[in-house]
């Protein structure tokens, strides 16, 4: 398969509107109000993400667009964490193991109030804390430096283990790419999590079925993924990874009544919901043209 990627095109300044800080869903919000809040926030994150990637001339927009609904649901609703409680030992933890989707994480953090929105304009610039991969030493809200695939999940297992030793009810959420699961270190981590019944751990698989340059199944097929995860001792839930209501329910069920760690297989589409990006492997690491940005923004308005 031949994949054309625009790696570092020559782009100038890209004007962006002020990003709205949505914050968390209201404690007394109805289910309809919660999903509407998350849906609108996810649309705002995608709008800013594509402009950031265009301005920087770098990014992994396909995998960012597949995971944004998951990130928004976690930070704006599901997780027990707040911008003014980043030093709370009982806060929930989040680790983005697929660290190349950093722009989506940064934009979600800004939308949730963890980063100044104006800082997003520095993405990938010299000396900016907003690197191409999240860095714990540069951003207080980032729990772990990630990027090398297969590292984030083992870190999350250690984090969840620490919580168990502390007797804390805090939860640890980690998002892994499905292509990333071809790394053996993940399965060692899963075996440890299942063996020690780390019930406060939730592993979210961004199951978009594409990786850099190919389909996951053409590289090293993961199926039957649900059966494999269950065999390693995890409670497995499968959801539409773009359905905010389904994600809300899945995350609310952590920790599972079985006492096992939870694995949420979130079925997503790379580049969702943009017509020319969706399920297109070329958009793993491709920078949109000015016309493509305009088209994507128009499609987002109607999504």
Protein backbone atom coordinates (compact mmCIF):
# COMPACT_ATOMS: atom_id res chain seq x y z
CA UNK A 1 0.00 0.00 0.00
CA UNK A 2 1.34 3.44 -0.95
CA UNK A 3 0.42 6.26 1.38
CA UNK A 4 1.11 9.88 0.55
CA UNK A 5 1.75 12.07 3.57
CA UNK A 6 2.39 15.82 3.66
CA UNK A 7 4.90 15.84 6.50
CA UNK A 8 6.07 19.45 6.84
CA UNK A 9 4.31 21.71 4.32
CA UNK A 10 5.15 25.40 4.19
CA UNK A 11 2.25 27.11 5.97
CA UNK A 12 1.89 30.58 7.35
CA UNK A 13 0.00 31.84 10.37
CA UNK A 14 -3.47 30.35 10.65
CA UNK A 15 -5.97 32.64 12.38
CA UNK A 16 -8.11 30.97 15.01
CA UNK A 17 -11.10 32.11 17.00
CA UNK A 18 -11.08 32.16 20.78
CA UNK A 19 -11.62 28.69 22.21
CA UNK A 20 -14.54 28.40 24.57
CA UNK A 21 -13.79 26.82 27.93
CA UNK A 22 -16.71 24.44 28.43
CA UNK A 23 -15.78 23.00 31.80
CA UNK A 24 -17.48 20.00 33.36
CA UNK A 25 -21.05 18.95 32.90
CA UNK A 26 -23.35 20.26 35.61
CA UNK A 27 -23.90 17.88 38.57
CA UNK A 28 -27.67 18.03 38.11
CA UNK A 29 -27.62 17.82 34.29
CA UNK A 30 -29.97 15.41 32.56
CA UNK A 31 -28.56 12.72 30.28
CA UNK A 32 -29.64 14.72 27.26
CA UNK A 33 -27.91 17.83 28.61
CA UNK A 34 -24.74 15.85 29.35
CA UNK A 35 -24.47 14.38 25.85
CA UNK A 36 -25.27 17.74 24.26
CA UNK A 37 -22.52 19.40 26.32
CA UNK A 38 -19.98 16.74 25.37
CA UNK A 39 -20.98 16.74 21.72
CA UNK A 40 -20.56 20.51 21.42
CA UNK A 41 -17.25 20.43 23.27
CA UNK A 42 -15.93 17.67 21.01
CA UNK A 43 -16.89 19.73 17.97
CA UNK A 44 -14.95 22.71 19.38
CA UNK A 45 -11.92 20.51 20.09
CA UNK A 46 -11.91 19.18 16.52
CA UNK A 47 -12.20 22.70 15.11
CA UNK A 48 -9.17 23.87 17.05
CA UNK A 49 -7.20 20.66 16.53
CA UNK A 50 -7.29 20.84 12.75
CA UNK A 51 -6.22 24.49 12.82
CA UNK A 52 -3.35 23.69 15.20
CA UNK A 53 -2.08 20.92 12.94
CA UNK A 54 -2.36 23.16 9.88
CA UNK A 55 -0.50 26.00 11.60
CA UNK A 56 2.26 23.76 12.93
CA UNK A 57 2.64 21.79 9.71
CA UNK A 58 2.80 18.67 11.89
CA UNK A 59 0.41 16.39 13.71
CA UNK A 60 -1.47 13.11 13.74
CA UNK A 61 -4.93 14.37 12.98
CA UNK A 62 -6.52 11.05 12.00
CA UNK A 63 -5.84 9.38 15.33
CA UNK A 64 -6.65 12.62 17.15
CA UNK A 65 -10.10 12.83 15.60
CA UNK A 66 -10.76 9.17 16.47
CA UNK A 67 -10.00 9.69 20.17
CA UNK A 68 -11.45 13.16 20.85
CA UNK A 69 -14.89 11.94 21.96
CA UNK A 70 -13.21 9.65 24.50
CA UNK A 71 -11.00 12.44 25.86
CA UNK A 72 -13.82 14.95 26.11
CA UNK A 73 -16.08 12.47 27.92
CA UNK A 74 -13.34 11.68 30.44
CA UNK A 75 -12.24 15.23 31.22
CA UNK A 76 -15.59 17.02 31.04
CA UNK A 77 -17.69 14.40 32.77
CA UNK A 78 -16.33 11.04 33.92
CA UNK A 79 -13.10 11.69 35.79
CA UNK A 80 -12.81 13.00 39.32
CA UNK A 81 -10.23 15.69 38.60
CA UNK A 82 -10.31 19.46 38.39
CA UNK A 83 -7.86 22.24 37.43
CA UNK A 84 -7.66 23.41 41.05
CA UNK A 85 -7.08 19.89 42.45
CA UNK A 86 -4.12 18.65 40.44
CA UNK A 87 -2.25 17.88 43.66
CA UNK A 88 -5.14 15.94 45.23
CA UNK A 89 -3.78 12.43 45.92
CA UNK A 90 -7.24 10.95 45.39
CA UNK A 91 -7.83 12.52 41.98
CA UNK A 92 -8.44 10.21 39.04
CA UNK A 93 -5.46 9.77 36.72
CA UNK A 94 -5.36 9.81 32.92
CA UNK A 95 -2.53 8.61 30.68
CA UNK A 96 -2.53 9.01 26.90
CA UNK A 97 -0.43 6.04 25.84
CA UNK A 98 -0.90 6.90 22.15
CA UNK A 99 1.03 10.08 22.81
CA UNK A 100 1.20 11.11 19.16
CA UNK A 101 -2.41 12.33 19.60
CA UNK A 102 -1.05 15.11 21.82
CA UNK A 103 -2.84 17.97 20.02
CA UNK A 104 -6.20 16.40 20.88
CA UNK A 105 -5.15 16.08 24.53
CA UNK A 106 -3.94 19.69 24.74
CA UNK A 107 -7.11 21.03 23.16
CA UNK A 108 -9.28 18.93 25.45
CA UNK A 109 -7.33 20.14 28.49
CA UNK A 110 -7.88 23.75 27.39
CA UNK A 111 -11.59 23.13 26.81
CA UNK A 112 -11.84 21.63 30.31
CA UNK A 113 -9.95 24.54 31.91
CA UNK A 114 -6.61 22.83 32.58
CA UNK A 115 -4.63 24.92 30.07
CA UNK A 116 -4.95 28.57 29.01
CA UNK A 117 -6.64 28.45 25.57
CA UNK A 118 -4.18 31.01 24.18
CA UNK A 119 -1.33 28.58 24.86
CA UNK A 120 -2.64 26.32 22.11
CA UNK A 121 -1.23 28.79 19.59
CA UNK A 122 2.29 27.70 20.58
CA UNK A 123 1.79 24.04 19.60
CA UNK A 124 5.06 22.59 18.27
CA UNK A 125 6.86 25.94 18.38
CA UNK A 126 10.41 26.18 19.78
CA UNK A 127 10.45 26.15 23.60
CA UNK A 128 6.69 25.55 23.78
CA UNK A 129 5.53 23.10 26.48
CA UNK A 130 3.08 21.75 23.90
CA UNK A 131 5.37 19.22 22.27
CA UNK A 132 4.43 16.61 19.70
CA UNK A 133 4.11 14.18 22.62
CA UNK A 134 2.83 15.03 26.12
CA UNK A 135 5.53 15.80 28.70
CA UNK A 136 4.89 15.48 32.44
CA UNK A 137 7.71 17.94 33.18
CA UNK A 138 6.17 20.68 31.04
CA UNK A 139 2.42 20.53 31.74
CA UNK A 140 1.08 20.06 35.26
CA UNK A 141 -2.12 18.35 34.09
CA UNK A 142 -0.20 15.68 32.18
CA UNK A 143 0.28 12.64 34.42
CA UNK A 144 2.97 10.85 32.37
CA UNK A 145 5.33 11.57 29.47
CA UNK A 146 4.29 9.29 26.61
CA UNK A 147 5.10 8.71 22.98
CA UNK A 148 7.05 5.47 22.62
CA UNK A 149 4.20 3.04 22.02
CA UNK A 150 3.79 0.33 24.62
CA UNK A 151 4.94 2.52 27.52
CA UNK A 152 1.76 4.26 28.68
CA UNK A 153 -0.19 1.16 29.65
CA UNK A 154 2.60 -0.26 31.85
CA UNK A 155 2.85 3.17 33.54
CA UNK A 156 -0.92 3.14 34.09
CA UNK A 157 -0.76 -0.33 35.64
CA UNK A 158 1.90 0.92 38.04
CA UNK A 159 -0.22 3.95 38.83
CA UNK A 160 -3.26 1.79 39.53
CA UNK A 161 -1.15 -0.57 41.65
CA UNK A 162 0.03 2.40 43.72
CA UNK A 163 -3.57 3.43 44.27
CA UNK A 164 -4.44 -0.04 45.50
CA UNK A 165 -1.49 -0.04 47.91
CA UNK A 166 -2.63 3.37 49.18
CA UNK A 167 -6.14 2.06 49.75
CA UNK A 168 -7.41 4.88 47.52
CA UNK A 169 -10.59 4.86 45.48
CA UNK A 170 -8.96 6.87 42.71
CA UNK A 171 -9.25 5.46 39.20
CA UNK A 172 -6.65 5.29 36.46
CA UNK A 173 -7.74 5.65 32.85
CA UNK A 174 -5.38 4.97 29.96
CA UNK A 175 -6.03 5.24 26.22
CA UNK A 176 -4.07 2.94 23.93
CA UNK A 177 -4.17 2.68 20.16
CA UNK A 178 -5.17 -0.67 18.71
CA UNK A 179 -2.02 -0.79 16.58
CA UNK A 180 -0.08 -0.09 19.75
CA UNK A 181 -1.32 -3.37 21.21
CA UNK A 182 1.10 -5.16 18.92
CA UNK A 183 3.78 -4.19 21.44
CA UNK A 184 4.43 -7.06 23.86
CA UNK A 185 4.94 -4.77 26.85
CA UNK A 186 1.20 -4.07 26.83
CA UNK A 187 0.33 -7.73 27.31
CA UNK A 188 2.79 -8.07 30.18
CA UNK A 189 1.07 -5.07 31.78
CA UNK A 190 -2.40 -6.52 31.17
CA UNK A 191 -1.34 -9.84 32.68
CA UNK A 192 -0.13 -8.01 35.79
CA UNK A 193 -3.33 -5.94 36.01
CA UNK A 194 -5.53 -9.01 35.78
CA UNK A 195 -3.43 -11.06 38.17
CA UNK A 196 -3.53 -8.37 40.86
CA UNK A 197 -7.17 -7.47 40.17
CA UNK A 198 -6.52 -3.78 39.71
CA UNK A 199 -10.22 -2.97 39.69
CA UNK A 200 -9.69 0.80 39.54
CA UNK A 201 -7.84 0.54 36.21
CA UNK A 202 -9.69 1.26 32.96
CA UNK A 203 -7.92 0.53 29.67
CA UNK A 204 -9.59 2.25 26.71
CA UNK A 205 -8.66 0.85 23.31
CA UNK A 206 -9.07 3.35 20.47
CA UNK A 207 -10.17 0.66 18.01
CA UNK A 208 -9.99 2.55 14.71
CA UNK A 209 -8.38 -0.46 12.95
CA UNK A 210 -5.71 1.66 11.26
CA UNK A 211 -2.10 2.38 12.12
CA UNK A 212 0.73 4.17 10.37
CA UNK A 213 0.61 3.15 6.73
CA UNK A 214 -1.67 0.10 6.98
CA UNK A 215 -4.65 -1.64 8.49
CA UNK A 216 -4.00 -3.18 11.89
CA UNK A 217 -5.26 -6.52 10.57
CA UNK A 218 -2.74 -6.45 7.73
CA UNK A 219 0.15 -5.81 10.11
CA UNK A 220 -0.65 -8.12 13.02
CA UNK A 221 -4.31 -8.96 13.53
CA UNK A 222 -5.59 -8.48 17.09
CA UNK A 223 -8.79 -10.47 16.84
CA UNK A 224 -10.41 -11.93 18.83
CA UNK A 225 -9.44 -8.88 20.90
CA UNK A 226 -12.31 -9.04 23.39
CA UNK A 227 -11.62 -12.70 24.11
CA UNK A 228 -7.90 -12.03 24.57
CA UNK A 229 -8.52 -9.20 27.02
CA UNK A 230 -11.01 -11.33 28.96
CA UNK A 231 -8.50 -14.19 29.07
CA UNK A 232 -6.01 -11.82 30.70
CA UNK A 233 -8.52 -11.15 33.48
CA UNK A 234 -10.23 -7.94 32.36
CA UNK A 235 -13.90 -7.04 32.34
CA UNK A 236 -14.55 -6.19 28.68
CA UNK A 237 -17.06 -3.65 27.40
CA UNK A 238 -17.49 -2.76 23.72
CA UNK A 239 -18.97 0.61 22.74
CA UNK A 240 -19.26 3.03 19.87
CA UNK A 241 -16.34 5.32 20.66
CA UNK A 242 -18.14 8.32 19.15
CA UNK A 243 -21.32 7.83 21.22
CA UNK A 244 -20.97 10.08 24.25
CA UNK A 245 -23.83 8.43 26.09
CA UNK A 246 -22.31 4.96 25.68
CA UNK A 247 -18.95 6.26 26.87
CA UNK A 248 -20.55 7.92 29.90
CA UNK A 249 -22.13 4.60 30.89
CA UNK A 250 -18.93 2.61 30.35
CA UNK A 251 -16.79 4.94 32.47
CA UNK A 252 -19.44 5.19 35.21
CA UNK A 253 -19.21 1.40 35.63
CA UNK A 254 -15.53 1.61 36.70
CA UNK A 255 -14.64 -0.10 38.99
CA UNK A 256 -16.48 -3.19 37.75
CA UNK A 257 -18.59 -5.19 40.18
CA UNK A 258 -16.50 -8.26 39.32
CA UNK A 259 -13.42 -6.69 40.90
CA UNK A 260 -11.52 -6.97 37.64
CA UNK A 261 -9.81 -4.20 35.67
CA UNK A 262 -11.99 -2.80 32.90
CA UNK A 263 -11.18 -2.82 29.20
CA UNK A 264 -13.34 -0.58 27.04
CA UNK A 265 -13.01 -1.40 23.37
CA UNK A 266 -14.11 1.85 21.77
CA UNK A 267 -14.92 1.28 18.10
CA UNK A 268 -13.92 4.48 16.31
CA UNK A 269 -13.07 5.83 12.87
CA UNK A 270 -9.77 7.48 12.09
CA UNK A 271 -10.50 11.06 10.98
CA UNK A 272 -14.10 10.97 12.26
CA UNK A 273 -16.41 12.58 11.16
CA UNK A 274 -14.71 14.26 8.18
CA UNK A 275 -15.68 12.67 4.87
CA UNK A 276 -12.24 12.72 3.23
CA UNK A 277 -10.42 11.67 6.42
CA UNK A 278 -12.67 9.00 7.89
CA UNK A 279 -11.14 5.50 7.71
CA UNK A 280 -8.38 6.85 5.44
CA UNK A 281 -4.97 5.57 6.54
CA UNK A 282 -3.20 8.47 4.79
CA UNK A 283 -4.41 10.77 7.57
CA UNK A 284 -2.31 9.12 10.25
CA UNK A 285 0.29 11.82 9.76
CA UNK A 286 -0.89 14.26 7.13
CA UNK A 287 -1.39 18.02 7.24
CA UNK A 288 -4.55 19.42 5.63
CA UNK A 289 -4.42 22.07 2.95
CA UNK A 290 -6.21 25.37 3.45
CA UNK A 291 -9.11 24.13 1.34
CA UNK A 292 -9.32 20.88 3.31
CA UNK A 293 -9.43 22.83 6.58
CA UNK A 294 -12.34 24.89 5.23
CA UNK A 295 -14.18 21.77 4.11
CA UNK A 296 -13.62 20.03 7.44
CA UNK A 297 -14.85 23.05 9.39
CA UNK A 298 -17.98 23.19 7.26
CA UNK A 299 -18.65 19.48 7.84
CA UNK A 300 -18.14 19.90 11.59
CA UNK A 301 -20.84 22.57 11.67
CA UNK A 302 -23.32 19.98 10.43
CA UNK A 303 -22.05 17.03 12.46
